[in-house]
Amino acid sequence: MRIVIVIAFILIIGSLASALFFMMRDRGRTPNMMRSLMFRVGFSVALFLFILFSHWMGWIQSTGIRMGP
């Protein structure tokens, strides 16, 4: 499970770096920067949904703050 999450974070950071590269190189005149940012948002949403699905399936357990007394 950790490998999937680490790979997703690497894809998110790589897409953000790609958007920065295209912003500096073409000054945002081509759609490459927007495409890279679109992929970053898509990867982030997919990671969030995967974590929710994994919790629902019981693959991961929450270890947050307890709500009970």
N, C-alpha and C. Protein backbone atom coordinates (compact mmCIF):
# COMPACT_ATOMS: atom_id res chain seq x y z
N MET A 1 0.83 -1.19 0.00
CA MET A 1 0.00 0.00 0.00
C MET A 1 0.87 1.26 0.00
N ARG A 2 1.96 1.21 0.75
CA ARG A 2 2.83 2.38 0.80
C ARG A 2 3.47 2.67 -0.55
N ILE A 3 3.76 1.62 -1.29
CA ILE A 3 4.40 1.80 -2.60
C ILE A 3 3.46 2.55 -3.54
N VAL A 4 2.18 2.20 -3.52
CA VAL A 4 1.20 2.87 -4.39
C VAL A 4 1.10 4.34 -4.03
N ILE A 5 1.07 4.65 -2.74
CA ILE A 5 0.95 6.04 -2.31
C ILE A 5 2.22 6.82 -2.65
N VAL A 6 3.38 6.22 -2.47
CA VAL A 6 4.64 6.89 -2.81
C VAL A 6 4.72 7.15 -4.31
N ILE A 7 4.31 6.19 -5.12
CA ILE A 7 4.30 6.38 -6.57
C ILE A 7 3.35 7.50 -6.96
N ALA A 8 2.18 7.56 -6.31
CA ALA A 8 1.23 8.64 -6.61
C ALA A 8 1.81 10.00 -6.24
N PHE A 9 2.49 10.09 -5.10
CA PHE A 9 3.12 11.36 -4.72
C PHE A 9 4.22 11.75 -5.70
N ILE A 10 4.98 10.78 -6.18
CA ILE A 10 6.03 11.07 -7.16
C ILE A 10 5.41 11.59 -8.46
N LEU A 11 4.29 10.99 -8.89
CA LEU A 11 3.60 11.48 -10.10
C LEU A 11 3.08 12.90 -9.90
N ILE A 12 2.55 13.20 -8.71
CA ILE A 12 2.02 14.54 -8.43
C ILE A 12 3.15 15.56 -8.46
N ILE A 13 4.26 15.26 -7.80
CA ILE A 13 5.40 16.19 -7.77
C ILE A 13 6.00 16.34 -9.17
N GLY A 14 6.09 15.24 -9.91
CA GLY A 14 6.63 15.31 -11.28
C GLY A 14 5.77 16.15 -12.20
N SER A 15 4.47 16.04 -12.05
CA SER A 15 3.57 16.85 -12.87
C SER A 15 3.68 18.32 -12.51
N LEU A 16 3.83 18.61 -11.23
CA LEU A 16 4.00 19.99 -10.79
C LEU A 16 5.32 20.57 -11.32
N ALA A 17 6.38 19.77 -11.29
CA ALA A 17 7.67 20.22 -11.83
C ALA A 17 7.58 20.44 -13.34
N SER A 18 6.83 19.58 -14.02
CA SER A 18 6.65 19.74 -15.46
C SER A 18 5.91 21.05 -15.77
N ALA A 19 4.91 21.37 -14.97
CA ALA A 19 4.18 22.63 -15.18
C ALA A 19 5.10 23.82 -14.96
N LEU A 20 5.97 23.74 -13.94
CA LEU A 20 6.91 24.82 -13.69
C LEU A 20 7.88 24.98 -14.87
N PHE A 21 8.35 23.86 -15.40
CA PHE A 21 9.26 23.90 -16.55
C PHE A 21 8.59 24.56 -17.75
N PHE A 22 7.34 24.16 -18.05
CA PHE A 22 6.65 24.74 -19.20
C PHE A 22 6.31 26.21 -18.96
N MET A 23 6.04 26.58 -17.70
CA MET A 23 5.75 27.98 -17.41
C MET A 23 6.99 28.84 -17.65
N MET A 24 8.14 28.33 -17.27
CA MET A 24 9.37 29.11 -17.46
C MET A 24 9.84 29.12 -18.92
N ARG A 25 9.63 28.00 -19.61
CA ARG A 25 10.13 27.90 -20.99
C ARG A 25 9.26 28.67 -21.98
N ASP A 26 7.92 28.43 -21.98
CA ASP A 26 7.07 29.10 -22.98
C ASP A 26 6.26 30.24 -22.40
N ARG A 27 6.48 30.56 -21.16
CA ARG A 27 5.74 31.66 -20.50
C ARG A 27 4.23 31.42 -20.50
N GLY A 28 3.80 30.18 -20.55
CA GLY A 28 2.38 29.86 -20.48
C GLY A 28 1.62 30.07 -21.78
N ARG A 29 2.31 30.23 -22.89
CA ARG A 29 1.63 30.47 -24.17
C ARG A 29 1.09 29.21 -24.80
N THR A 30 1.62 28.06 -24.45
CA THR A 30 1.13 26.79 -25.00
C THR A 30 0.30 26.07 -23.94
N PRO A 31 -0.53 25.13 -24.34
CA PRO A 31 -1.38 24.43 -23.38
C PRO A 31 -0.65 23.38 -22.54
N ASN A 32 0.67 23.27 -22.69
CA ASN A 32 1.41 22.25 -21.95
C ASN A 32 1.34 22.46 -20.44
N MET A 33 1.44 23.71 -19.99
CA MET A 33 1.39 23.99 -18.57
C MET A 33 0.02 23.63 -18.00
N MET A 34 -1.03 23.99 -18.70
CA MET A 34 -2.38 23.68 -18.22
C MET A 34 -2.61 22.17 -18.20
N ARG A 35 -2.08 21.47 -19.17
CA ARG A 35 -2.21 20.02 -19.22
C ARG A 35 -1.50 19.38 -18.03
N SER A 36 -0.32 19.87 -17.72
CA SER A 36 0.43 19.33 -16.58
C SER A 36 -0.30 19.58 -15.27
N LEU A 37 -0.86 20.77 -15.11
CA LEU A 37 -1.62 21.06 -13.89
C LEU A 37 -2.90 20.24 -13.83
N MET A 38 -3.51 19.99 -14.98
CA MET A 38 -4.70 19.15 -15.02
C MET A 38 -4.37 17.73 -14.57
N PHE A 39 -3.24 17.21 -15.04
CA PHE A 39 -2.82 15.88 -14.60
C PHE A 39 -2.53 15.86 -13.10
N ARG A 40 -1.94 16.93 -12.58
CA ARG A 40 -1.64 16.98 -11.15
C ARG A 40 -2.92 16.92 -10.33
N VAL A 41 -3.92 17.68 -10.74
CA VAL A 41 -5.20 17.65 -10.03
C VAL A 41 -5.85 16.28 -10.16
N GLY A 42 -5.77 15.69 -11.34
CA GLY A 42 -6.32 14.35 -11.54
C GLY A 42 -5.64 13.31 -10.68
N PHE A 43 -4.30 13.36 -10.59
CA PHE A 43 -3.57 12.42 -9.74
C PHE A 43 -3.93 12.62 -8.27
N SER A 44 -4.09 13.87 -7.85
CA SER A 44 -4.43 14.15 -6.46
C SER A 44 -5.82 13.61 -6.11
N VAL A 45 -6.78 13.83 -6.99
CA VAL A 45 -8.13 13.32 -6.75
C VAL A 45 -8.14 11.80 -6.77
N ALA A 46 -7.40 11.20 -7.70
CA ALA A 46 -7.34 9.74 -7.75
C ALA A 46 -6.70 9.17 -6.48
N LEU A 47 -5.66 9.82 -5.97
CA LEU A 47 -5.03 9.35 -4.73
C LEU A 47 -6.00 9.45 -3.56
N PHE A 48 -6.73 10.56 -3.47
CA PHE A 48 -7.70 10.73 -2.40
C PHE A 48 -8.79 9.66 -2.47
N LEU A 49 -9.32 9.41 -3.67
CA LEU A 49 -10.36 8.39 -3.82
C LEU A 49 -9.81 7.00 -3.53
N PHE A 50 -8.55 6.73 -3.91
CA PHE A 50 -7.95 5.44 -3.62
C PHE A 50 -7.78 5.23 -2.12
N ILE A 51 -7.40 6.28 -1.39
CA ILE A 51 -7.27 6.16 0.06
C ILE A 51 -8.63 5.92 0.70
N LEU A 52 -9.66 6.62 0.24
CA LEU A 52 -11.01 6.38 0.77
C LEU A 52 -11.48 4.96 0.47
N PHE A 53 -11.25 4.48 -0.73
CA PHE A 53 -11.64 3.13 -1.11
C PHE A 53 -10.87 2.09 -0.30
N SER A 54 -9.58 2.33 -0.08
CA SER A 54 -8.77 1.40 0.70
C SER A 54 -9.25 1.32 2.14
N HIS A 55 -9.64 2.44 2.70
CA HIS A 55 -10.19 2.45 4.06
C HIS A 55 -11.52 1.70 4.11
N TRP A 56 -12.35 1.92 3.11
CA TRP A 56 -13.66 1.25 3.05
C TRP A 56 -13.50 -0.26 2.91
N MET A 57 -12.49 -0.71 2.12
CA MET A 57 -12.26 -2.14 1.94
C MET A 57 -11.53 -2.77 3.11
N GLY A 58 -10.99 -1.96 4.03
CA GLY A 58 -10.29 -2.49 5.18
C GLY A 58 -8.82 -2.76 4.94
N TRP A 59 -8.27 -2.28 3.82
CA TRP A 59 -6.86 -2.48 3.52
C TRP A 59 -5.98 -1.63 4.41
N ILE A 60 -6.49 -0.45 4.83
CA ILE A 60 -5.76 0.43 5.73
C ILE A 60 -6.67 0.76 6.90
N GLN A 61 -6.07 1.07 8.04
CA GLN A 61 -6.84 1.41 9.24
C GLN A 61 -6.53 2.84 9.63
N SER A 62 -7.55 3.53 10.12
CA SER A 62 -7.32 4.89 10.57
C SER A 62 -6.71 4.86 11.97
N THR A 63 -5.82 5.78 12.24
CA THR A 63 -5.18 5.88 13.54
C THR A 63 -5.29 7.29 14.06
N GLY A 64 -6.38 7.95 13.76
CA GLY A 64 -6.55 9.35 14.12
C GLY A 64 -6.96 9.54 15.56
N ILE A 65 -7.44 10.71 15.86
CA ILE A 65 -7.87 11.07 17.21
C ILE A 65 -9.16 10.35 17.53
N ARG A 66 -9.23 9.76 18.70
CA ARG A 66 -10.44 9.05 19.09
C ARG A 66 -11.53 10.04 19.48
N MET A 67 -12.76 9.76 19.08
CA MET A 67 -13.88 10.66 19.33
C MET A 67 -14.63 10.31 20.60
N GLY A 68 -14.48 9.09 21.08
CA GLY A 68 -15.22 8.65 22.26
C GLY A 68 -14.57 9.06 23.56
N PRO A 69 -15.28 8.85 24.70
CA PRO A 69 -14.72 9.23 26.01
C PRO A 69 -13.62 8.31 26.48
